[in-house]
C-alpha atoms as a PDB file:
ATOM      1  CA  MET A   1     -16.698  -2.889  28.892  1.00  0.00           C
ATOM      2  CA  ILE A   2     -16.730   0.642  27.532  1.00  0.00           C
ATOM      3  CA  LYS A   3     -18.018   3.367  29.849  1.00  0.00           C
ATOM      4  CA  TYR A   4     -19.181   6.562  28.151  1.00  0.00           C
ATOM      5  CA  PRO A   5     -19.329   9.984  29.877  1.00  0.00           C
ATOM      6  CA  ASN A   6     -23.147   9.908  29.756  1.00  0.00           C
ATOM      7  CA  GLY A   7     -23.085   6.841  32.044  1.00  0.00           C
ATOM      8  CA  GLN A   8     -23.915   4.322  29.320  1.00  0.00           C
ATOM      9  CA  THR A   9     -21.909   1.079  29.466  1.00  0.00           C
ATOM     10  CA  VAL A  10     -21.423  -1.034  26.358  1.00  0.00           C
ATOM     11  CA  SER A  11     -19.857  -4.455  26.029  1.00  0.00           C
ATOM     12  CA  PRO A  12     -18.435  -4.841  22.523  1.00  0.00           C
ATOM     13  CA  HIS A  13     -18.978  -8.206  20.909  1.00  0.00           C
ATOM     14  CA  LYS A  14     -16.797  -9.550  18.155  1.00  0.00           C
ATOM     15  CA  SER A  15     -19.772  -9.492  15.782  1.00  0.00           C
ATOM     16  CA  ASP A  16     -20.243  -5.759  16.466  1.00  0.00           C
ATOM     17  CA  ILE A  17     -16.757  -4.804  15.305  1.00  0.00           C
ATOM     18  CA  ASP A  18     -16.488  -3.383  11.789  1.00  0.00           C
ATOM     19  CA  TYR A  19     -13.493  -4.895  10.010  1.00  0.00           C
ATOM     20  CA  SER A  20     -14.282  -3.315   6.636  1.00  0.00           C
ATOM     21  CA  ARG A  21     -11.592  -0.607   7.007  1.00  0.00           C
ATOM     22  CA  ARG A  22      -8.932  -2.833   8.564  1.00  0.00           C
ATOM     23  CA  GLY A  23      -5.744  -2.695   6.522  1.00  0.00           C
ATOM     24  CA  MET A  24      -6.706   0.609   4.954  1.00  0.00           C
ATOM     25  CA  SER A  25      -4.699   2.997   7.137  1.00  0.00           C
ATOM     26  CA  LEU A  26      -1.531   2.617   5.055  1.00  0.00           C
ATOM     27  CA  GLU A  27      -3.503   3.208   1.879  1.00  0.00           C
ATOM     28  CA  ASN A  28      -5.152   6.300   3.405  1.00  0.00           C
ATOM     29  CA  ASP A  29      -1.754   7.638   4.512  1.00  0.00           C
ATOM     30  CA  ILE A  30      -0.244   7.079   1.062  1.00  0.00           C
ATOM     31  CA  ASN A  31      -3.247   8.703  -0.617  1.00  0.00           C
ATOM     32  CA  SER A  32      -2.879  11.700   1.705  1.00  0.00           C
ATOM     33  CA  SER A  33       0.848  11.902   0.918  1.00  0.00           C
ATOM     34  CA  ASN A  34       0.148  11.666  -2.819  1.00  0.00           C
ATOM     35  CA  ASN A  35      -2.431  14.455  -2.549  1.00  0.00           C
ATOM     36  CA  TYR A  36       0.177  16.617  -0.834  1.00  0.00           C
ATOM     37  CA  TYR A  37       2.726  15.816  -3.579  1.00  0.00           C
ATOM     38  CA  LEU A  38       0.139  16.702  -6.244  1.00  0.00           C
ATOM     39  CA  GLU A  39      -1.028  19.929  -4.551  1.00  0.00           C
ATOM     40  CA  THR A  40       2.559  21.147  -4.090  1.00  0.00           C
ATOM     41  CA  ASP A  41       3.466  20.087  -7.658  1.00  0.00           C
ATOM     42  CA  LYS A  42       6.195  17.774  -6.358  1.00  0.00           C
ATOM     43  CA  ALA A  43       4.995  14.622  -8.156  1.00  0.00           C
ATOM     44  CA  VAL A  44       2.057  13.061  -9.974  1.00  0.00           C
ATOM     45  CA  ILE A  45       1.311   9.692  -8.365  1.00  0.00           C
ATOM     46  CA  HIS A  46      -2.104   8.034  -8.257  1.00  0.00           C
ATOM     47  CA  LYS A  47      -3.752   4.898  -6.979  1.00  0.00           C
ATOM     48  CA  LYS A  48      -4.645   2.643  -9.881  1.00  0.00           C
ATOM     49  CA  PRO A  49      -8.306   1.684 -10.114  1.00  0.00           C
ATOM     50  CA  THR A  50      -9.178  -2.002 -10.046  1.00  0.00           C
ATOM     51  CA  PRO A  51     -10.639  -2.946 -13.446  1.00  0.00           C
ATOM     52  CA  ILE A  52     -14.211  -4.213 -13.086  1.00  0.00           C
ATOM     53  CA  THR A  53     -17.031  -5.127 -15.430  1.00  0.00           C
ATOM     54  CA  ILE A  54     -20.427  -3.870 -14.349  1.00  0.00           C
ATOM     55  CA  VAL A  55     -23.196  -6.425 -14.776  1.00  0.00           C
ATOM     56  CA  ASN A  56     -26.172  -4.775 -13.134  1.00  0.00           C
ATOM     57  CA  VAL A  57     -27.017  -1.229 -12.039  1.00  0.00           C
ATOM     58  CA  GLU A  58     -29.974  -0.106  -9.967  1.00  0.00           C
ATOM     59  CA  TYR A  59     -30.821   3.103 -11.814  1.00  0.00           C
ATOM     60  CA  LYS A  60     -33.700   5.053 -10.268  1.00  0.00           C
ATOM     61  CA  SER A  61     -32.044   8.344 -11.172  1.00  0.00           C
ATOM     62  CA  ARG A  62     -28.573   9.481 -12.200  1.00  0.00           C
ATOM     63  CA  ALA A  63     -27.867  10.790  -8.707  1.00  0.00           C
ATOM     64  CA  THR A  64     -28.845   7.518  -7.022  1.00  0.00           C
ATOM     65  CA  ALA A  65     -27.424   4.989  -9.516  1.00  0.00           C
ATOM     66  CA  LYS A  66     -25.952   2.031  -7.630  1.00  0.00           C
ATOM     67  CA  ILE A  67     -23.864  -0.873  -8.947  1.00  0.00           C
ATOM     68  CA  THR A  68     -25.498  -4.035  -7.638  1.00  0.00           C
ATOM     69  CA  GLU A  69     -23.416  -6.641  -9.460  1.00  0.00           C
ATOM     70  CA  ALA A  70     -19.909  -6.542 -10.921  1.00  0.00           C
ATOM     71  CA  TYR A  71     -16.841  -8.732 -11.324  1.00  0.00           C
ATOM     72  CA  PHE A  72     -13.108  -8.196 -11.679  1.00  0.00           C
ATOM     73  CA  GLN A  73     -11.988  -8.191 -15.331  1.00  0.00           C
ATOM     74  CA  THR A  74      -8.344  -9.072 -14.775  1.00  0.00           C
ATOM     75  CA  PRO A  75      -6.041  -9.143 -11.764  1.00  0.00           C
ATOM     76  CA  SER A  76      -4.769  -5.658 -11.060  1.00  0.00           C
ATOM     77  CA  THR A  77      -1.043  -5.011 -11.258  1.00  0.00           C
ATOM     78  CA  THR A  78       0.207  -2.823  -8.406  1.00  0.00           C
ATOM     79  CA  ASP A  79      -1.444  -0.193  -6.247  1.00  0.00           C
ATOM     80  CA  TYR A  80       0.254   3.024  -7.389  1.00  0.00           C
ATOM     81  CA  ASN A  81       2.143   4.578 -10.281  1.00  0.00           C
ATOM     82  CA  GLY A  82       3.238   7.994 -11.409  1.00  0.00           C
ATOM     83  CA  VAL A  83       6.074  10.321 -12.332  1.00  0.00           C
ATOM     84  CA  TYR A  84       8.632  12.007 -10.091  1.00  0.00           C
ATOM     85  CA  ARG A  85      11.698  13.954 -11.245  1.00  0.00           C
ATOM     86  CA  GLY A  86      11.220  12.583 -14.748  1.00  0.00           C
ATOM     87  CA  ARG A  87      11.231   8.980 -13.531  1.00  0.00           C
ATOM     88  CA  TYR A  88       8.425   6.444 -13.651  1.00  0.00           C
ATOM     89  CA  LEU A  89       7.446   5.073 -10.225  1.00  0.00           C
ATOM     90  CA  ASP A  90       5.444   1.903  -9.652  1.00  0.00           C
ATOM     91  CA  PHE A  91       4.789   0.363  -6.252  1.00  0.00           C
ATOM     92  CA  GLU A  92       2.691  -1.932  -4.138  1.00  0.00           C
ATOM     93  CA  ALA A  93       1.599  -1.127  -0.565  1.00  0.00           C
ATOM     94  CA  LYS A  94       1.084  -3.839   2.041  1.00  0.00           C
ATOM     95  CA  GLU A  95       0.198  -3.784   5.691  1.00  0.00           C
ATOM     96  CA  THR A  96       0.787  -6.558   8.216  1.00  0.00           C
ATOM     97  CA  HIS A  97      -0.248  -6.970  11.845  1.00  0.00           C
ATOM     98  CA  SER A  98       2.431  -9.572  12.507  1.00  0.00           C
ATOM     99  CA  ARG A  99       5.280  -8.552  14.792  1.00  0.00           C
ATOM    100  CA  THR A 100       7.753 -10.954  13.188  1.00  0.00           C
ATOM    101  CA  SER A 101       7.177 -11.117   9.423  1.00  0.00           C
ATOM    102  CA  MET A 102       5.157 -10.278   6.329  1.00  0.00           C
ATOM    103  CA  ALA A 103       3.333 -13.273   4.873  1.00  0.00           C
ATOM    104  CA  LEU A 104       4.057 -13.752   1.171  1.00  0.00           C
ATOM    105  CA  SER A 105       0.410 -14.680   0.665  1.00  0.00           C
ATOM    106  CA  ILE A 106      -0.521 -10.966   0.794  1.00  0.00           C
ATOM    107  CA  ILE A 107       1.413 -10.192  -2.383  1.00  0.00           C
ATOM    108  CA  HIS A 108       0.452 -11.964  -5.591  1.00  0.00           C
ATOM    109  CA  PRO A 109       2.876 -13.437  -8.136  1.00  0.00           C
ATOM    110  CA  HIS A 110       1.495 -11.256 -10.961  1.00  0.00           C
ATOM    111  CA  GLN A 111       2.249  -8.167  -8.846  1.00  0.00           C
ATOM    112  CA  LEU A 112       5.847  -9.307  -8.343  1.00  0.00           C
ATOM    113  CA  ARG A 113       6.205  -9.973 -12.088  1.00  0.00           C
ATOM    114  CA  HIS A 114       4.858  -6.488 -12.805  1.00  0.00           C
ATOM    115  CA  LEU A 115       7.333  -4.853 -10.390  1.00  0.00           C
ATOM    116  CA  GLU A 116      10.175  -6.854 -11.946  1.00  0.00           C
ATOM    117  CA  SER A 117       9.112  -5.793 -15.453  1.00  0.00           C
ATOM    118  CA  CYS A 118       8.918  -2.101 -14.467  1.00  0.00           C
ATOM    119  CA  ASP A 119      12.369  -2.357 -12.900  1.00  0.00           C
ATOM    120  CA  ARG A 120      13.797  -4.060 -15.990  1.00  0.00           C
ATOM    121  CA  HIS A 121      12.483  -1.226 -18.188  1.00  0.00           C
ATOM    122  CA  GLY A 122      14.122   1.489 -16.088  1.00  0.00           C
ATOM    123  CA  GLY A 123      11.302   2.433 -13.752  1.00  0.00           C
ATOM    124  CA  ILE A 124      11.723   2.750 -10.018  1.00  0.00           C
ATOM    125  CA  SER A 125       9.718  -0.095  -8.524  1.00  0.00           C
ATOM    126  CA  PHE A 126       9.338  -0.829  -4.851  1.00  0.00           C
ATOM    127  CA  LEU A 127       7.099  -1.985  -2.024  1.00  0.00           C
ATOM    128  CA  ILE A 128       5.939   0.037   0.940  1.00  0.00           C
ATOM    129  CA  VAL A 129       5.274  -2.262   3.895  1.00  0.00           C
ATOM    130  CA  ARG A 130       3.788  -1.190   7.209  1.00  0.00           C
ATOM    131  CA  PHE A 131       4.321  -3.277  10.323  1.00  0.00           C
ATOM    132  CA  VAL A 132       1.337  -2.107  12.359  1.00  0.00           C
ATOM    133  CA  ALA A 133       2.497  -3.775  15.593  1.00  0.00           C
ATOM    134  CA  HIS A 134       5.767  -1.801  15.449  1.00  0.00           C
ATOM    135  CA  ASP A 135       4.194   1.352  13.993  1.00  0.00           C
ATOM    136  CA  GLU A 136       6.897   1.323  11.306  1.00  0.00           C
ATOM    137  CA  THR A 137       6.687   1.731   7.547  1.00  0.00           C
ATOM    138  CA  TYR A 138       9.457   0.572   5.217  1.00  0.00           C
ATOM    139  CA  LEU A 139      10.254   1.139   1.572  1.00  0.00           C
ATOM    140  CA  VAL A 140      12.094  -1.770  -0.031  1.00  0.00           C
ATOM    141  CA  MET A 141      13.272  -1.796  -3.615  1.00  0.00           C
ATOM    142  CA  ALA A 142      11.596  -4.452  -5.757  1.00  0.00           C
ATOM    143  CA  SER A 143      14.979  -5.698  -7.006  1.00  0.00           C
ATOM    144  CA  ALA A 144      16.191  -6.394  -3.435  1.00  0.00           C
ATOM    145  CA  PHE A 145      12.886  -8.004  -2.458  1.00  0.00           C
ATOM    146  CA  LEU A 146      12.803 -10.236  -5.551  1.00  0.00           C
ATOM    147  CA  ALA A 147      16.452 -11.272  -5.065  1.00  0.00           C
ATOM    148  CA  HIS A 148      15.652 -12.237  -1.471  1.00  0.00           C
ATOM    149  CA  LEU A 149      12.655 -14.315  -2.573  1.00  0.00           C
ATOM    150  CA  LYS A 150      14.791 -16.403  -4.972  1.00  0.00           C
ATOM    151  CA  ASN A 151      16.625 -18.034  -2.036  1.00  0.00           C
ATOM    152  CA  LEU A 152      13.739 -17.991   0.418  1.00  0.00           C
ATOM    153  CA  GLU A 153      12.031 -21.239   1.363  1.00  0.00           C
ATOM    154  CA  ALA A 154       9.800 -19.731   4.042  1.00  0.00           C
ATOM    155  CA  LYS A 155       6.287 -18.424   3.398  1.00  0.00           C
ATOM    156  CA  SER A 156       7.078 -15.039   4.894  1.00  0.00           C
ATOM    157  CA  VAL A 157       9.762 -12.355   4.956  1.00  0.00           C
ATOM    158  CA  LYS A 158      11.102 -11.569   8.409  1.00  0.00           C
ATOM    159  CA  TYR A 159      10.642  -8.163   9.991  1.00  0.00           C
ATOM    160  CA  SER A 160      14.405  -8.088  10.625  1.00  0.00           C
ATOM    161  CA  TRP A 161      15.008  -8.387   6.852  1.00  0.00           C
ATOM    162  CA  PHE A 162      13.004  -5.185   6.298  1.00  0.00           C
ATOM    163  CA  GLN A 163      14.973  -3.460   9.068  1.00  0.00           C
ATOM    164  CA  GLU A 164      18.274  -4.464   7.427  1.00  0.00           C
ATOM    165  CA  ASN A 165      17.353  -4.009   3.747  1.00  0.00           C
ATOM    166  CA  GLY A 166      14.560  -1.465   3.716  1.00  0.00           C
ATOM    167  CA  TYR A 167      14.377   2.258   4.290  1.00  0.00           C
ATOM    168  CA  LEU A 168      12.407   3.318   7.360  1.00  0.00           C
ATOM    169  CA  ILE A 169       9.920   6.044   6.395  1.00  0.00           C
ATOM    170  CA  PRO A 170       9.358   8.274   9.429  1.00  0.00           C
ATOM    171  CA  TYR A 171       5.834   9.499  10.100  1.00  0.00           C
ATOM    172  CA  ASN A 172       5.178  13.157   9.364  1.00  0.00           C
ATOM    173  CA  TYR A 173       1.890  14.916  10.123  1.00  0.00           C
ATOM    174  CA  SER A 174       1.566  16.736   6.787  1.00  0.00           C
ATOM    175  CA  ILE A 175       3.055  13.893   4.717  1.00  0.00           C
ATOM    176  CA  PRO A 176       2.218  10.678   6.627  1.00  0.00           C
ATOM    177  CA  VAL A 177       4.290   8.436   4.305  1.00  0.00           C
ATOM    178  CA  ASP A 178       6.951  10.715   2.812  1.00  0.00           C
ATOM    179  CA  TYR A 179       8.435   8.020   0.600  1.00  0.00           C
ATOM    180  CA  LEU A 180       9.772  10.533  -1.924  1.00  0.00           C
ATOM    181  CA  LYS A 181      12.524  11.456   0.561  1.00  0.00           C
ATOM    182  CA  VAL A 182      13.771   7.876   0.182  1.00  0.00           C
ATOM    183  CA  ILE A 183      13.373   8.001  -3.598  1.00  0.00           C
ATOM    184  CA  ASP A 184      15.432  11.231  -3.660  1.00  0.00           C
ATOM    185  CA  GLY A 185      18.297   9.376  -1.983  1.00  0.00           C
ATOM    186  CA  ILE A 186      18.028   6.509  -4.468  1.00  0.00           C
ATOM    187  CA  ILE A 187      17.946   8.795  -7.520  1.00  0.00           C
ATOM    188  CA  ASP A 188      20.845  10.849  -6.157  1.00  0.00           C
ATOM    189  CA  GLY A 189      22.884   7.685  -5.524  1.00  0.00           C
ATOM    190  CA  GLY A 190      22.903   7.713  -1.730  1.00  0.00           C
ATOM    191  CA  LYS A 191      20.955   5.836   0.861  1.00  0.00           C
END
């Protein structure tokens, strides 16, 4: 039961809950951080658009045009890419509500191949993973993650692995996911 100050009482039902934005808080925080980096001329990093083919558009006027049917052209690669300190960055962002692990089913094989390829060609490739239940966000290098997967028989990567092998990204009000602090340490050769 939810009791509002005006005296109204509401009982939320599962069907009333909007799940459309679930899993988007990490993405919103990264987008906000990237906007800050762009506005302060620190880096140029953008979210990659998902390639789609438009099949049908409801076109009453230019201002009210609405895509009514579309399909994905090809699987997208990773979520973000850009340039920082003369280096190419490419990364995937994932969010999990599990307290104990990140399911491998939330990252696709073609995304892992893309991260491996970027790494092989000298880019800085990594994953940013948020454990919502712990309110913690980690950056883990793609090379370390891929090496771990080679010997892994489980269908998930343990939270403790991220604690031991990842870089905890502290929350900051103006830069919610200040991952470039971690990247600075990697470029400069420290942790």
